[in-house]
PDB file of N, CA and C in Angstrom:
ATOM      1  N   MET A   1       0.814  -1.145   0.015  1.00  0.00           N
ATOM      2  CA  MET A   1      -0.024   0.030   0.002  1.00  0.00           C
ATOM      3  C   MET A   1       0.891   1.265   0.005  1.00  0.00           C
ATOM      4  N   LYS A   2       0.553   2.208  -0.855  1.00  0.00           N
ATOM      5  CA  LYS A   2       1.296   3.440  -0.951  1.00  0.00           C
ATOM      6  C   LYS A   2       0.706   4.466   0.001  1.00  0.00           C
ATOM      7  N   SER A   3       1.570   5.356   0.571  1.00  0.00           N
ATOM      8  CA  SER A   3       1.147   6.322   1.518  1.00  0.00           C
ATOM      9  C   SER A   3       1.671   7.702   0.970  1.00  0.00           C
ATOM     10  N   ASP A   4       0.833   8.715   1.255  1.00  0.00           N
ATOM     11  CA  ASP A   4       1.297  10.105   0.899  1.00  0.00           C
ATOM     12  C   ASP A   4       1.602  10.855   2.148  1.00  0.00           C
ATOM     13  N   PHE A   5       1.882  10.165   3.252  1.00  0.00           N
ATOM     14  CA  PHE A   5       2.184  10.832   4.583  1.00  0.00           C
ATOM     15  C   PHE A   5       3.352  11.849   4.490  1.00  0.00           C
ATOM     16  N   TRP A   6       4.404  11.561   3.760  1.00  0.00           N
ATOM     17  CA  TRP A   6       5.558  12.333   3.733  1.00  0.00           C
ATOM     18  C   TRP A   6       5.532  13.370   2.546  1.00  0.00           C
ATOM     19  N   LEU A   7       4.518  13.316   1.737  1.00  0.00           N
ATOM     20  CA  LEU A   7       4.379  14.309   0.713  1.00  0.00           C
ATOM     21  C   LEU A   7       3.795  15.557   1.180  1.00  0.00           C
ATOM     22  N   GLU A   8       4.240  16.667   0.625  1.00  0.00           N
ATOM     23  CA  GLU A   8       3.775  18.045   1.057  1.00  0.00           C
ATOM     24  C   GLU A   8       3.639  18.959  -0.160  1.00  0.00           C
ATOM     25  N   ASP A   9       2.658  19.798  -0.193  1.00  0.00           N
ATOM     26  CA  ASP A   9       2.469  20.786  -1.189  1.00  0.00           C
ATOM     27  C   ASP A   9       3.500  21.844  -0.997  1.00  0.00           C
ATOM     28  N   ILE A  10       4.451  22.090  -1.896  1.00  0.00           N
ATOM     29  CA  ILE A  10       5.496  23.063  -1.705  1.00  0.00           C
ATOM     30  C   ILE A  10       5.299  24.238  -2.656  1.00  0.00           C
ATOM     31  N   SER A  11       4.089  24.426  -3.189  1.00  0.00           N
ATOM     32  CA  SER A  11       3.869  25.615  -4.038  1.00  0.00           C
ATOM     33  C   SER A  11       3.974  26.910  -3.151  1.00  0.00           C
ATOM     34  N   TYR A  12       4.478  27.971  -3.755  1.00  0.00           N
ATOM     35  CA  TYR A  12       4.730  29.208  -3.014  1.00  0.00           C
ATOM     36  C   TYR A  12       4.728  30.386  -3.919  1.00  0.00           C
ATOM     37  N   PHE A  13       4.588  31.561  -3.294  1.00  0.00           N
ATOM     38  CA  PHE A  13       4.611  32.800  -3.976  1.00  0.00           C
ATOM     39  C   PHE A  13       5.685  33.698  -3.282  1.00  0.00           C
ATOM     40  N   ARG A  14       6.663  34.220  -4.021  1.00  0.00           N
ATOM     41  CA  ARG A  14       7.711  34.989  -3.366  1.00  0.00           C
ATOM     42  C   ARG A  14       7.951  36.288  -4.121  1.00  0.00           C
ATOM     43  N   LEU A  15       8.017  37.416  -3.363  1.00  0.00           N
ATOM     44  CA  LEU A  15       8.448  38.648  -3.893  1.00  0.00           C
ATOM     45  C   LEU A  15       9.883  38.823  -3.489  1.00  0.00           C
ATOM     46  N   LYS A  16      10.790  38.592  -4.486  1.00  0.00           N
ATOM     47  CA  LYS A  16      12.248  38.524  -4.180  1.00  0.00           C
ATOM     48  C   LYS A  16      12.910  39.825  -4.373  1.00  0.00           C
ATOM     49  N   ASN A  17      12.556  40.563  -5.399  1.00  0.00           N
ATOM     50  CA  ASN A  17      13.237  41.875  -5.651  1.00  0.00           C
ATOM     51  C   ASN A  17      12.126  42.944  -5.958  1.00  0.00           C
ATOM     52  N   LEU A  18      12.242  44.046  -5.274  1.00  0.00           N
ATOM     53  CA  LEU A  18      11.328  45.183  -5.577  1.00  0.00           C
ATOM     54  C   LEU A  18      12.116  46.451  -5.465  1.00  0.00           C
ATOM     55  N   GLN A  19      11.917  47.349  -6.544  1.00  0.00           N
ATOM     56  CA  GLN A  19      12.613  48.667  -6.511  1.00  0.00           C
ATOM     57  C   GLN A  19      11.573  49.696  -6.864  1.00  0.00           C
ATOM     58  N   LEU A  20      11.494  50.746  -6.029  1.00  0.00           N
ATOM     59  CA  LEU A  20      10.609  51.841  -6.333  1.00  0.00           C
ATOM     60  C   LEU A  20      11.451  53.073  -6.457  1.00  0.00           C
ATOM     61  N   GLY A  21      11.173  53.880  -7.465  1.00  0.00           N
ATOM     62  CA  GLY A  21      12.008  55.085  -7.664  1.00  0.00           C
ATOM     63  C   GLY A  21      11.197  56.308  -8.246  1.00  0.00           C
ATOM     64  N   TYR A  22      11.700  57.472  -7.994  1.00  0.00           N
ATOM     65  CA  TYR A  22      11.089  58.616  -8.483  1.00  0.00           C
ATOM     66  C   TYR A  22      12.161  59.609  -9.027  1.00  0.00           C
ATOM     67  N   THR A  23      11.927  60.072 -10.259  1.00  0.00           N
ATOM     68  CA  THR A  23      12.910  61.072 -10.849  1.00  0.00           C
ATOM     69  C   THR A  23      12.198  62.364 -10.783  1.00  0.00           C
ATOM     70  N   LEU A  24      12.866  63.349 -10.153  1.00  0.00           N
ATOM     71  CA  LEU A  24      12.231  64.704 -10.043  1.00  0.00           C
ATOM     72  C   LEU A  24      12.205  65.412 -11.366  1.00  0.00           C
ATOM     73  N   PRO A  25      11.139  66.151 -11.662  1.00  0.00           N
ATOM     74  CA  PRO A  25      11.021  66.847 -12.934  1.00  0.00           C
ATOM     75  C   PRO A  25      12.199  67.935 -13.070  1.00  0.00           C
ATOM     76  N   ARG A  26      12.624  68.139 -14.334  1.00  0.00           N
ATOM     77  CA  ARG A  26      13.718  69.085 -14.551  1.00  0.00           C
ATOM     78  C   ARG A  26      13.405  70.517 -14.180  1.00  0.00           C
ATOM     79  N   ASN A  27      12.126  70.888 -14.339  1.00  0.00           N
ATOM     80  CA  ASN A  27      11.778  72.265 -13.952  1.00  0.00           C
ATOM     81  C   ASN A  27      11.971  72.621 -12.463  1.00  0.00           C
ATOM     82  N   VAL A  28      11.926  71.494 -11.598  1.00  0.00           N
ATOM     83  CA  VAL A  28      12.160  71.667 -10.166  1.00  0.00           C
ATOM     84  C   VAL A  28      13.551  71.836  -9.915  1.00  0.00           C
ATOM     85  N   LEU A  29      14.468  71.211 -10.753  1.00  0.00           N
ATOM     86  CA  LEU A  29      15.939  71.159 -10.524  1.00  0.00           C
ATOM     87  C   LEU A  29      16.657  72.253 -11.268  1.00  0.00           C
ATOM     88  N   ASN A  30      15.954  73.154 -12.059  1.00  0.00           N
ATOM     89  CA  ASN A  30      16.690  74.165 -12.884  1.00  0.00           C
ATOM     90  C   ASN A  30      17.495  75.064 -12.042  1.00  0.00           C
ATOM     91  N   GLY A  31      17.020  75.602 -10.969  1.00  0.00           N
ATOM     92  CA  GLY A  31      17.690  76.570 -10.199  1.00  0.00           C
ATOM     93  C   GLY A  31      18.827  76.028  -9.256  1.00  0.00           C
ATOM     94  N   LEU A  32      18.949  74.750  -9.200  1.00  0.00           N
ATOM     95  CA  LEU A  32      19.898  74.147  -8.306  1.00  0.00           C
ATOM     96  C   LEU A  32      21.183  73.679  -9.031  1.00  0.00           C
ATOM     97  N   GLY A  33      21.207  73.797 -10.248  1.00  0.00           N
ATOM     98  CA  GLY A  33      22.451  73.386 -11.019  1.00  0.00           C
ATOM     99  C   GLY A  33      22.560  71.854 -11.123  1.00  0.00           C
ATOM    100  N   ILE A  34      21.441  71.145 -10.989  1.00  0.00           N
ATOM    101  CA  ILE A  34      21.388  69.653 -11.115  1.00  0.00           C
ATOM    102  C   ILE A  34      20.623  69.327 -12.323  1.00  0.00           C
ATOM    103  N   SER A  35      21.174  68.408 -13.177  1.00  0.00           N
ATOM    104  CA  SER A  35      20.504  68.044 -14.385  1.00  0.00           C
ATOM    105  C   SER A  35      19.431  66.957 -14.185  1.00  0.00           C
ATOM    106  N   SER A  36      19.722  66.034 -13.214  1.00  0.00           N
ATOM    107  CA  SER A  36      18.762  65.047 -12.828  1.00  0.00           C
ATOM    108  C   SER A  36      18.963  64.526 -11.497  1.00  0.00           C
ATOM    109  N   LEU A  37      17.856  64.174 -10.805  1.00  0.00           N
ATOM    110  CA  LEU A  37      17.891  63.642  -9.494  1.00  0.00           C
ATOM    111  C   LEU A  37      16.862  62.540  -9.295  1.00  0.00           C
ATOM    112  N   ARG A  38      17.284  61.381  -8.925  1.00  0.00           N
ATOM    113  CA  ARG A  38      16.390  60.206  -8.761  1.00  0.00           C
ATOM    114  C   ARG A  38      16.559  59.686  -7.320  1.00  0.00           C
ATOM    115  N   LEU A  39      15.451  59.457  -6.685  1.00  0.00           N
ATOM    116  CA  LEU A  39      15.364  58.813  -5.324  1.00  0.00           C
ATOM    117  C   LEU A  39      14.870  57.392  -5.510  1.00  0.00           C
ATOM    118  N   TYR A  40      15.430  56.452  -4.804  1.00  0.00           N
ATOM    119  CA  TYR A  40      14.899  55.075  -4.881  1.00  0.00           C
ATOM    120  C   TYR A  40      15.004  54.353  -3.526  1.00  0.00           C
ATOM    121  N   TYR A  41      14.152  53.290  -3.539  1.00  0.00           N
ATOM    122  CA  TYR A  41      14.097  52.350  -2.453  1.00  0.00           C
ATOM    123  C   TYR A  41      14.105  50.991  -3.003  1.00  0.00           C
ATOM    124  N   SER A  42      15.001  50.112  -2.481  1.00  0.00           N
ATOM    125  CA  SER A  42      15.108  48.733  -3.066  1.00  0.00           C
ATOM    126  C   SER A  42      15.031  47.708  -1.830  1.00  0.00           C
ATOM    127  N   VAL A  43      14.410  46.626  -2.083  1.00  0.00           N
ATOM    128  CA  VAL A  43      14.337  45.483  -1.028  1.00  0.00           C
ATOM    129  C   VAL A  43      14.427  44.189  -1.748  1.00  0.00           C
ATOM    130  N   GLU A  44      15.149  43.286  -1.084  1.00  0.00           N
ATOM    131  CA  GLU A  44      15.308  41.948  -1.541  1.00  0.00           C
ATOM    132  C   GLU A  44      14.632  41.002  -0.492  1.00  0.00           C
ATOM    133  N   ASN A  45      14.002  39.960  -0.970  1.00  0.00           N
ATOM    134  CA  ASN A  45      13.357  38.960  -0.080  1.00  0.00           C
ATOM    135  C   ASN A  45      12.322  39.500   0.778  1.00  0.00           C
ATOM    136  N   LEU A  46      11.402  40.262   0.165  1.00  0.00           N
ATOM    137  CA  LEU A  46      10.359  40.940   0.818  1.00  0.00           C
ATOM    138  C   LEU A  46       9.383  39.990   1.629  1.00  0.00           C
ATOM    139  N   PHE A  47       8.846  39.015   0.909  1.00  0.00           N
ATOM    140  CA  PHE A  47       8.036  38.056   1.574  1.00  0.00           C
ATOM    141  C   PHE A  47       7.856  36.805   0.734  1.00  0.00           C
ATOM    142  N   THR A  48       7.395  35.694   1.389  1.00  0.00           N
ATOM    143  CA  THR A  48       7.096  34.374   0.813  1.00  0.00           C
ATOM    144  C   THR A  48       5.885  33.916   1.409  1.00  0.00           C
ATOM    145  N   ILE A  49       4.927  33.489   0.574  1.00  0.00           N
ATOM    146  CA  ILE A  49       3.678  32.876   1.023  1.00  0.00           C
ATOM    147  C   ILE A  49       3.717  31.423   0.597  1.00  0.00           C
ATOM    148  N   ASP A  50       3.625  30.618   1.687  1.00  0.00           N
ATOM    149  CA  ASP A  50       3.528  29.159   1.341  1.00  0.00           C
ATOM    150  C   ASP A  50       2.665  28.402   2.426  1.00  0.00           C
ATOM    151  N   ASN A  51       2.459  27.139   2.223  1.00  0.00           N
ATOM    152  CA  ASN A  51       1.649  26.322   3.191  1.00  0.00           C
ATOM    153  C   ASN A  51       2.507  25.213   3.844  1.00  0.00           C
ATOM    154  N   MET A  52       3.794  25.441   3.853  1.00  0.00           N
ATOM    155  CA  MET A  52       4.652  24.366   4.384  1.00  0.00           C
ATOM    156  C   MET A  52       4.573  24.305   5.859  1.00  0.00           C
ATOM    157  N   ARG A  53       4.747  23.146   6.450  1.00  0.00           N
ATOM    158  CA  ARG A  53       4.617  22.970   7.878  1.00  0.00           C
ATOM    159  C   ARG A  53       5.868  23.462   8.635  1.00  0.00           C
ATOM    160  N   ALA A  54       6.998  23.279   8.012  1.00  0.00           N
ATOM    161  CA  ALA A  54       8.271  23.704   8.599  1.00  0.00           C
ATOM    162  C   ALA A  54       8.678  25.083   7.992  1.00  0.00           C
ATOM    163  N   ASN A  55       9.474  25.818   8.808  1.00  0.00           N
ATOM    164  CA  ASN A  55       9.851  27.127   8.334  1.00  0.00           C
ATOM    165  C   ASN A  55      11.201  26.998   7.510  1.00  0.00           C
ATOM    166  N   VAL A  56      11.065  26.520   6.315  1.00  0.00           N
ATOM    167  CA  VAL A  56      12.214  26.322   5.440  1.00  0.00           C
ATOM    168  C   VAL A  56      12.029  27.069   4.182  1.00  0.00           C
ATOM    169  N   ASP A  57      13.080  27.341   3.491  1.00  0.00           N
ATOM    170  CA  ASP A  57      13.070  28.022   2.153  1.00  0.00           C
ATOM    171  C   ASP A  57      12.539  26.998   1.123  1.00  0.00           C
ATOM    172  N   PRO A  58      11.447  27.308   0.427  1.00  0.00           N
ATOM    173  CA  PRO A  58      10.879  26.355  -0.601  1.00  0.00           C
ATOM    174  C   PRO A  58      11.812  26.195  -1.758  1.00  0.00           C
ATOM    175  N   GLU A  59      12.826  27.057  -2.011  1.00  0.00           N
ATOM    176  CA  GLU A  59      13.803  26.849  -3.022  1.00  0.00           C
ATOM    177  C   GLU A  59      15.008  26.000  -2.587  1.00  0.00           C
ATOM    178  N   ALA A  60      15.098  25.679  -1.343  1.00  0.00           N
ATOM    179  CA  ALA A  60      16.239  24.874  -0.888  1.00  0.00           C
ATOM    180  C   ALA A  60      16.191  23.499  -1.574  1.00  0.00           C
ATOM    181  N   THR A  61      17.352  23.028  -1.868  1.00  0.00           N
ATOM    182  CA  THR A  61      17.417  21.702  -2.561  1.00  0.00           C
ATOM    183  C   THR A  61      17.166  20.565  -1.690  1.00  0.00           C
ATOM    184  N   SER A  62      17.341  20.629  -0.422  1.00  0.00           N
ATOM    185  CA  SER A  62      17.157  19.572   0.506  1.00  0.00           C
ATOM    186  C   SER A  62      16.764  20.092   1.918  1.00  0.00           C
ATOM    187  N   THR A  63      15.796  19.540   2.527  1.00  0.00           N
ATOM    188  CA  THR A  63      15.472  19.914   3.905  1.00  0.00           C
ATOM    189  C   THR A  63      16.256  19.149   4.936  1.00  0.00           C
ATOM    190  N   ARG A  64      17.098  18.181   4.512  1.00  0.00           N
ATOM    191  CA  ARG A  64      17.896  17.418   5.499  1.00  0.00           C
ATOM    192  C   ARG A  64      19.124  18.148   5.980  1.00  0.00           C
ATOM    193  N   THR A  65      19.543  19.088   5.116  1.00  0.00           N
ATOM    194  CA  THR A  65      20.707  19.965   5.569  1.00  0.00           C
ATOM    195  C   THR A  65      20.135  21.240   6.161  1.00  0.00           C
ATOM    196  N   SER A  66      20.842  21.762   7.161  1.00  0.00           N
ATOM    197  CA  SER A  66      20.387  23.005   7.728  1.00  0.00           C
ATOM    198  C   SER A  66      20.612  24.183   6.747  1.00  0.00           C
ATOM    199  N   SER A  67      19.632  25.098   6.713  1.00  0.00           N
ATOM    200  CA  SER A  67      19.827  26.230   5.824  1.00  0.00           C
ATOM    201  C   SER A  67      19.450  27.504   6.639  1.00  0.00           C
ATOM    202  N   TYR A  68      20.139  28.535   6.360  1.00  0.00           N
ATOM    203  CA  TYR A  68      19.834  29.833   7.003  1.00  0.00           C
ATOM    204  C   TYR A  68      18.628  30.490   6.432  1.00  0.00           C
ATOM    205  N   PRO A  69      17.814  31.241   7.186  1.00  0.00           N
ATOM    206  CA  PRO A  69      16.673  31.855   6.630  1.00  0.00           C
ATOM    207  C   PRO A  69      17.149  32.989   5.670  1.00  0.00           C
ATOM    208  N   LEU A  70      16.272  33.341   4.703  1.00  0.00           N
ATOM    209  CA  LEU A  70      16.578  34.389   3.814  1.00  0.00           C
ATOM    210  C   LEU A  70      16.614  35.712   4.518  1.00  0.00           C
ATOM    211  N   LEU A  71      17.612  36.538   4.314  1.00  0.00           N
ATOM    212  CA  LEU A  71      17.678  37.841   4.942  1.00  0.00           C
ATOM    213  C   LEU A  71      17.016  38.873   4.080  1.00  0.00           C
ATOM    214  N   GLN A  72      16.282  39.800   4.650  1.00  0.00           N
ATOM    215  CA  GLN A  72      15.766  40.991   3.902  1.00  0.00           C
ATOM    216  C   GLN A  72      16.879  42.015   3.886  1.00  0.00           C
ATOM    217  N   THR A  73      17.036  42.646   2.605  1.00  0.00           N
ATOM    218  CA  THR A  73      17.987  43.609   2.462  1.00  0.00           C
ATOM    219  C   THR A  73      17.210  44.928   1.958  1.00  0.00           C
ATOM    220  N   HIS A  74      17.407  46.031   2.651  1.00  0.00           N
ATOM    221  CA  HIS A  74      16.714  47.293   2.341  1.00  0.00           C
ATOM    222  C   HIS A  74      17.808  48.307   1.966  1.00  0.00           C
ATOM    223  N   ALA A  75      17.535  49.094   0.915  1.00  0.00           N
ATOM    224  CA  ALA A  75      18.534  50.140   0.506  1.00  0.00           C
ATOM    225  C   ALA A  75      17.710  51.352   0.040  1.00  0.00           C
ATOM    226  N   PHE A  76      18.210  52.530   0.442  1.00  0.00           N
ATOM    227  CA  PHE A  76      17.687  53.797  -0.058  1.00  0.00           C
ATOM    228  C   PHE A  76      18.806  54.482  -0.823  1.00  0.00           C
ATOM    229  N   GLY A  77      18.521  55.176  -1.826  1.00  0.00           N
ATOM    230  CA  GLY A  77      19.551  55.796  -2.535  1.00  0.00           C
ATOM    231  C   GLY A  77      19.172  57.067  -3.306  1.00  0.00           C
ATOM    232  N   ILE A  78      20.149  57.848  -3.719  1.00  0.00           N
ATOM    233  CA  ILE A  78      19.964  59.046  -4.522  1.00  0.00           C
ATOM    234  C   ILE A  78      20.957  59.011  -5.718  1.00  0.00           C
ATOM    235  N   ASN A  79      20.473  59.159  -6.943  1.00  0.00           N
ATOM    236  CA  ASN A  79      21.331  59.366  -8.126  1.00  0.00           C
ATOM    237  C   ASN A  79      21.238  60.814  -8.577  1.00  0.00           C
ATOM    238  N   ILE A  80      22.414  61.481  -8.571  1.00  0.00           N
ATOM    239  CA  ILE A  80      22.490  62.870  -8.936  1.00  0.00           C
ATOM    240  C   ILE A  80      23.317  63.062 -10.161  1.00  0.00           C
ATOM    241  N   SER A  81      22.911  63.789 -11.169  1.00  0.00           N
ATOM    242  CA  SER A  81      23.825  64.198 -12.205  1.00  0.00           C
ATOM    243  C   SER A  81      23.890  65.736 -12.275  1.00  0.00           C
ATOM    244  N   PHE A  82      25.055  66.257 -12.489  1.00  0.00           N
ATOM    245  CA  PHE A  82      25.266  67.683 -12.500  1.00  0.00           C
ATOM    246  C   PHE A  82      25.430  68.186 -13.917  1.00  0.00           C
TER     247      PHE A  82
END
């Protein structure tokens, strides 16, 4: 007799990379001597939605080896051209 006791649904949804940015209009920058200015926010490993019983990475190749959790990385930045 076959059993599905050890089988698990490992389907998941992950937002791995996200970058939001805004470039200021040139008419705002004319008096400052700046040709372009862009502000941005970037994040990696924002979230994962899954139905797994254990707290493991669904993309890991094996659950038998220990794996570190995915770290979130946040970055803010400014790109300026004169």
